[in-house]
């Protein structure tokens, strides 16, 4: 009888322990399911947007200077072409006074245009110094244009004097003047075109 009672007690205890294990297993499964569901339904964190430089806001005065610079620049290539043609004509035959006067007038127009565009361009270049968009293009254009302008002033300063015509000094000055002018036209044309075709 004692053995039977002990067996019954052992059997009941086993049933109780088994029920407790099942309850704990159910709790573990429920907890794991809740964790999985939370991880599955949680929206992924979107990547941080790339940081971009805010657009630079320019004043009305800047825009006015830019327009003056732009529209004045339209005369650049026609003046270069006219001056080159007149200069080459005088280089081959310096006898015509009308061509010399016209050559001087076109040269003065180039220097005047250079003065206007140097003031407006350099001013706006300084104002836009913190704007990284297109900075290399602007700086390259400015350097080439300033070099060209300095060349035109040097060409004007080395122009041969008509009083020395027929002398070795006249011929030497004529060659120097032409070489400086042609180089200045070339550099100025490159500076002009890179701004036209490189600007987006």
Protein backbone atom coordinates (compact mmCIF):
# COMPACT_ATOMS: atom_id res chain seq x y z
CA UNK A 1 0.00 0.00 0.00
CA UNK A 2 2.87 2.30 0.82
CA UNK A 3 4.50 1.49 -2.47
CA UNK A 4 1.29 2.29 -4.31
CA UNK A 5 0.93 5.58 -2.44
CA UNK A 6 4.52 6.49 -3.24
CA UNK A 7 3.99 5.62 -6.89
CA UNK A 8 0.86 7.76 -6.99
CA UNK A 9 2.75 10.65 -5.38
CA UNK A 10 5.62 10.30 -7.85
CA UNK A 11 3.17 10.16 -10.71
CA UNK A 12 1.36 13.29 -9.53
CA UNK A 13 4.63 15.12 -8.98
CA UNK A 14 5.78 14.20 -12.50
CA UNK A 15 2.52 15.44 -13.96
CA UNK A 16 2.86 18.73 -12.03
CA UNK A 17 6.47 19.20 -13.16
CA UNK A 18 5.55 18.38 -16.74
CA UNK A 19 2.72 20.91 -16.67
CA UNK A 20 5.10 23.54 -15.22
CA UNK A 21 7.67 22.84 -17.97
CA UNK A 22 4.97 23.15 -20.63
CA UNK A 23 3.86 26.48 -19.15
CA UNK A 24 7.42 27.80 -19.15
CA UNK A 25 7.98 26.58 -22.71
CA UNK A 26 4.82 28.33 -23.83
CA UNK A 27 5.98 31.54 -22.14
CA UNK A 28 9.40 31.31 -23.85
CA UNK A 29 7.76 30.66 -27.23
CA UNK A 30 5.36 33.57 -26.75
CA UNK A 31 8.21 35.90 -25.77
CA UNK A 32 10.29 34.82 -28.77
CA UNK A 33 7.31 35.28 -31.10
CA UNK A 34 6.67 38.77 -29.76
CA UNK A 35 10.34 39.72 -30.22
CA UNK A 36 10.34 38.36 -33.77
CA UNK A 37 7.14 40.20 -34.61
CA UNK A 38 8.51 43.45 -33.20
CA UNK A 39 11.71 43.11 -35.20
CA UNK A 40 9.80 42.20 -38.35
CA UNK A 41 7.27 45.04 -38.21
CA UNK A 42 9.75 47.76 -37.15
CA UNK A 43 10.44 50.08 -40.08
CA UNK A 44 14.09 50.24 -41.11
CA UNK A 45 15.88 53.47 -40.32
CA UNK A 46 16.23 55.47 -43.55
CA UNK A 47 19.77 56.55 -44.46
CA UNK A 48 20.70 60.10 -43.65
CA UNK A 49 20.40 62.38 -46.68
CA UNK A 50 23.72 63.63 -48.05
CA UNK A 51 24.66 67.05 -46.84
CA UNK A 52 24.69 69.60 -49.63
CA UNK A 53 25.79 73.19 -49.64
CA UNK A 54 22.83 75.58 -49.47
CA UNK A 55 22.50 77.65 -52.65
CA UNK A 56 24.21 81.01 -52.49
CA UNK A 57 21.85 83.95 -52.61
CA UNK A 58 23.21 86.93 -54.53
CA UNK A 59 22.16 90.54 -54.30
CA UNK A 60 20.53 92.59 -57.04
CA UNK A 61 23.78 94.51 -57.48
CA UNK A 62 25.60 91.24 -58.18
CA UNK A 63 23.04 90.33 -60.84
CA UNK A 64 23.35 93.77 -62.48
CA UNK A 65 27.14 93.45 -62.65
CA UNK A 66 26.79 89.93 -64.05
CA UNK A 67 24.45 91.20 -66.79
CA UNK A 68 26.82 94.03 -67.71
CA UNK A 69 29.72 91.58 -67.83
CA UNK A 70 27.73 89.12 -69.93
CA UNK A 71 26.35 91.53 -72.53
CA UNK A 72 29.58 93.48 -72.87
CA UNK A 73 31.38 90.20 -73.49
CA UNK A 74 29.38 89.65 -76.66
CA UNK A 75 31.65 92.24 -78.31
CA UNK A 76 34.80 90.30 -77.41
CA UNK A 77 35.21 88.03 -80.42
CA UNK A 78 34.11 90.60 -83.05
CA UNK A 79 36.61 93.11 -81.65
CA UNK A 80 39.35 90.47 -81.59
CA UNK A 81 38.64 89.48 -85.18
CA UNK A 82 38.53 93.07 -86.41
CA UNK A 83 41.72 94.01 -84.61
CA UNK A 84 43.57 90.97 -85.90
CA UNK A 85 42.51 91.67 -89.50
CA UNK A 86 43.45 95.35 -89.29
CA UNK A 87 46.71 94.58 -87.55
CA UNK A 88 47.70 91.99 -90.12
CA UNK A 89 46.85 94.42 -92.93
CA UNK A 90 49.04 97.12 -91.37
CA UNK A 91 51.79 94.62 -90.72
CA UNK A 92 51.88 93.79 -94.44
CA UNK A 93 51.44 97.41 -95.59
CA UNK A 94 51.68 100.17 -92.95
CA UNK A 95 51.08 102.99 -95.43
CA UNK A 96 47.33 103.64 -95.01
CA UNK A 97 46.51 106.28 -92.36
CA UNK A 98 42.82 105.36 -92.26
CA UNK A 99 43.58 101.76 -91.36
CA UNK A 100 45.98 102.89 -88.65
CA UNK A 101 43.32 105.11 -87.12
CA UNK A 102 40.74 102.35 -87.26
CA UNK A 103 43.23 99.89 -85.81
CA UNK A 104 43.86 102.25 -82.92
CA UNK A 105 40.13 102.79 -82.36
CA UNK A 106 39.39 99.06 -82.24
CA UNK A 107 42.36 98.56 -79.92
CA UNK A 108 40.99 101.26 -77.61
CA UNK A 109 37.61 99.50 -77.72
CA UNK A 110 39.26 96.25 -76.63
CA UNK A 111 41.01 97.97 -73.73
CA UNK A 112 37.78 99.73 -72.74
CA UNK A 113 35.88 96.43 -72.83
CA UNK A 114 38.64 94.86 -70.77
CA UNK A 115 38.30 97.60 -68.16
CA UNK A 116 34.52 97.15 -67.86
CA UNK A 117 34.71 93.38 -67.67
CA UNK A 118 37.65 93.43 -65.27
CA UNK A 119 35.77 95.63 -62.80
CA UNK A 120 32.47 93.72 -63.00
CA UNK A 121 34.06 90.28 -63.22
CA UNK A 122 36.61 90.76 -60.42
CA UNK A 123 33.97 92.30 -58.16
CA UNK A 124 31.60 89.39 -58.64
CA UNK A 125 34.43 86.89 -58.34
CA UNK A 126 35.19 88.29 -54.90
CA UNK A 127 31.52 88.29 -53.87
CA UNK A 128 31.15 84.63 -54.96
CA UNK A 129 34.38 83.45 -53.33
CA UNK A 130 32.52 81.15 -50.90
CA UNK A 131 30.38 79.57 -53.62
CA UNK A 132 32.07 76.31 -54.63
CA UNK A 133 29.76 75.71 -57.60
CA UNK A 134 31.75 76.48 -60.76
CA UNK A 135 34.56 78.11 -58.77
CA UNK A 136 37.42 76.53 -60.78
CA UNK A 137 35.81 77.64 -64.03
CA UNK A 138 35.37 81.20 -62.80
CA UNK A 139 38.92 81.42 -61.51
CA UNK A 140 40.41 79.97 -64.71
CA UNK A 141 38.35 82.36 -66.84
CA UNK A 142 39.44 85.30 -64.69
CA UNK A 143 43.13 84.43 -64.79
CA UNK A 144 43.16 83.99 -68.56
CA UNK A 145 41.17 87.17 -69.14
CA UNK A 146 43.40 89.25 -66.87
CA UNK A 147 46.48 87.88 -68.62
CA UNK A 148 44.95 88.78 -71.97
CA UNK A 149 44.08 92.29 -70.78
CA UNK A 150 47.63 92.86 -69.56
CA UNK A 151 48.85 91.67 -72.95
CA UNK A 152 46.69 94.20 -74.79
CA UNK A 153 48.07 97.01 -72.65
CA UNK A 154 51.58 95.78 -73.42
CA UNK A 155 50.72 95.62 -77.13
CA UNK A 156 49.50 99.21 -77.00
CA UNK A 157 52.70 100.28 -75.22
CA UNK A 158 54.93 98.56 -77.81
CA UNK A 159 53.12 99.88 -80.90
CA UNK A 160 55.69 101.14 -83.43
CA UNK A 161 55.91 104.88 -83.96
CA UNK A 162 55.20 106.15 -87.44
CA UNK A 163 58.14 108.53 -87.05
CA UNK A 164 60.51 105.56 -87.10
CA UNK A 165 59.05 103.99 -90.20
CA UNK A 166 61.64 102.31 -92.38
CA UNK A 167 64.18 101.99 -89.58
CA UNK A 168 65.33 98.73 -87.93
CA UNK A 169 63.69 99.91 -84.69
CA UNK A 170 60.32 100.27 -86.43
CA UNK A 171 60.51 96.77 -87.86
CA UNK A 172 61.55 95.32 -84.50
CA UNK A 173 58.75 97.13 -82.67
CA UNK A 174 56.26 96.01 -85.31
CA UNK A 175 57.14 92.35 -84.80
CA UNK A 176 57.04 92.68 -80.99
CA UNK A 177 53.71 94.51 -81.13
CA UNK A 178 52.15 91.90 -83.42
CA UNK A 179 53.39 88.93 -81.39
CA UNK A 180 52.07 90.34 -78.11
CA UNK A 181 48.72 91.26 -79.70
CA UNK A 182 48.24 87.82 -81.31
CA UNK A 183 49.15 86.05 -78.05
CA UNK A 184 46.72 88.28 -76.12
CA UNK A 185 43.93 87.57 -78.61
CA UNK A 186 44.59 83.84 -78.30
CA UNK A 187 44.59 83.81 -74.51
CA UNK A 188 41.52 86.04 -74.34
CA UNK A 189 39.64 83.83 -76.79
CA UNK A 190 40.38 80.72 -74.74
CA UNK A 191 39.25 82.46 -71.56
CA UNK A 192 36.05 83.58 -73.26
CA UNK A 193 35.21 80.19 -74.79
CA UNK A 194 35.79 78.10 -71.66
CA UNK A 195 33.23 80.28 -69.87
CA UNK A 196 30.76 79.90 -72.72
CA UNK A 197 31.07 76.13 -73.19
CA UNK A 198 32.04 75.19 -69.64
CA UNK A 199 29.19 77.06 -67.94
CA UNK A 200 26.16 74.79 -67.27
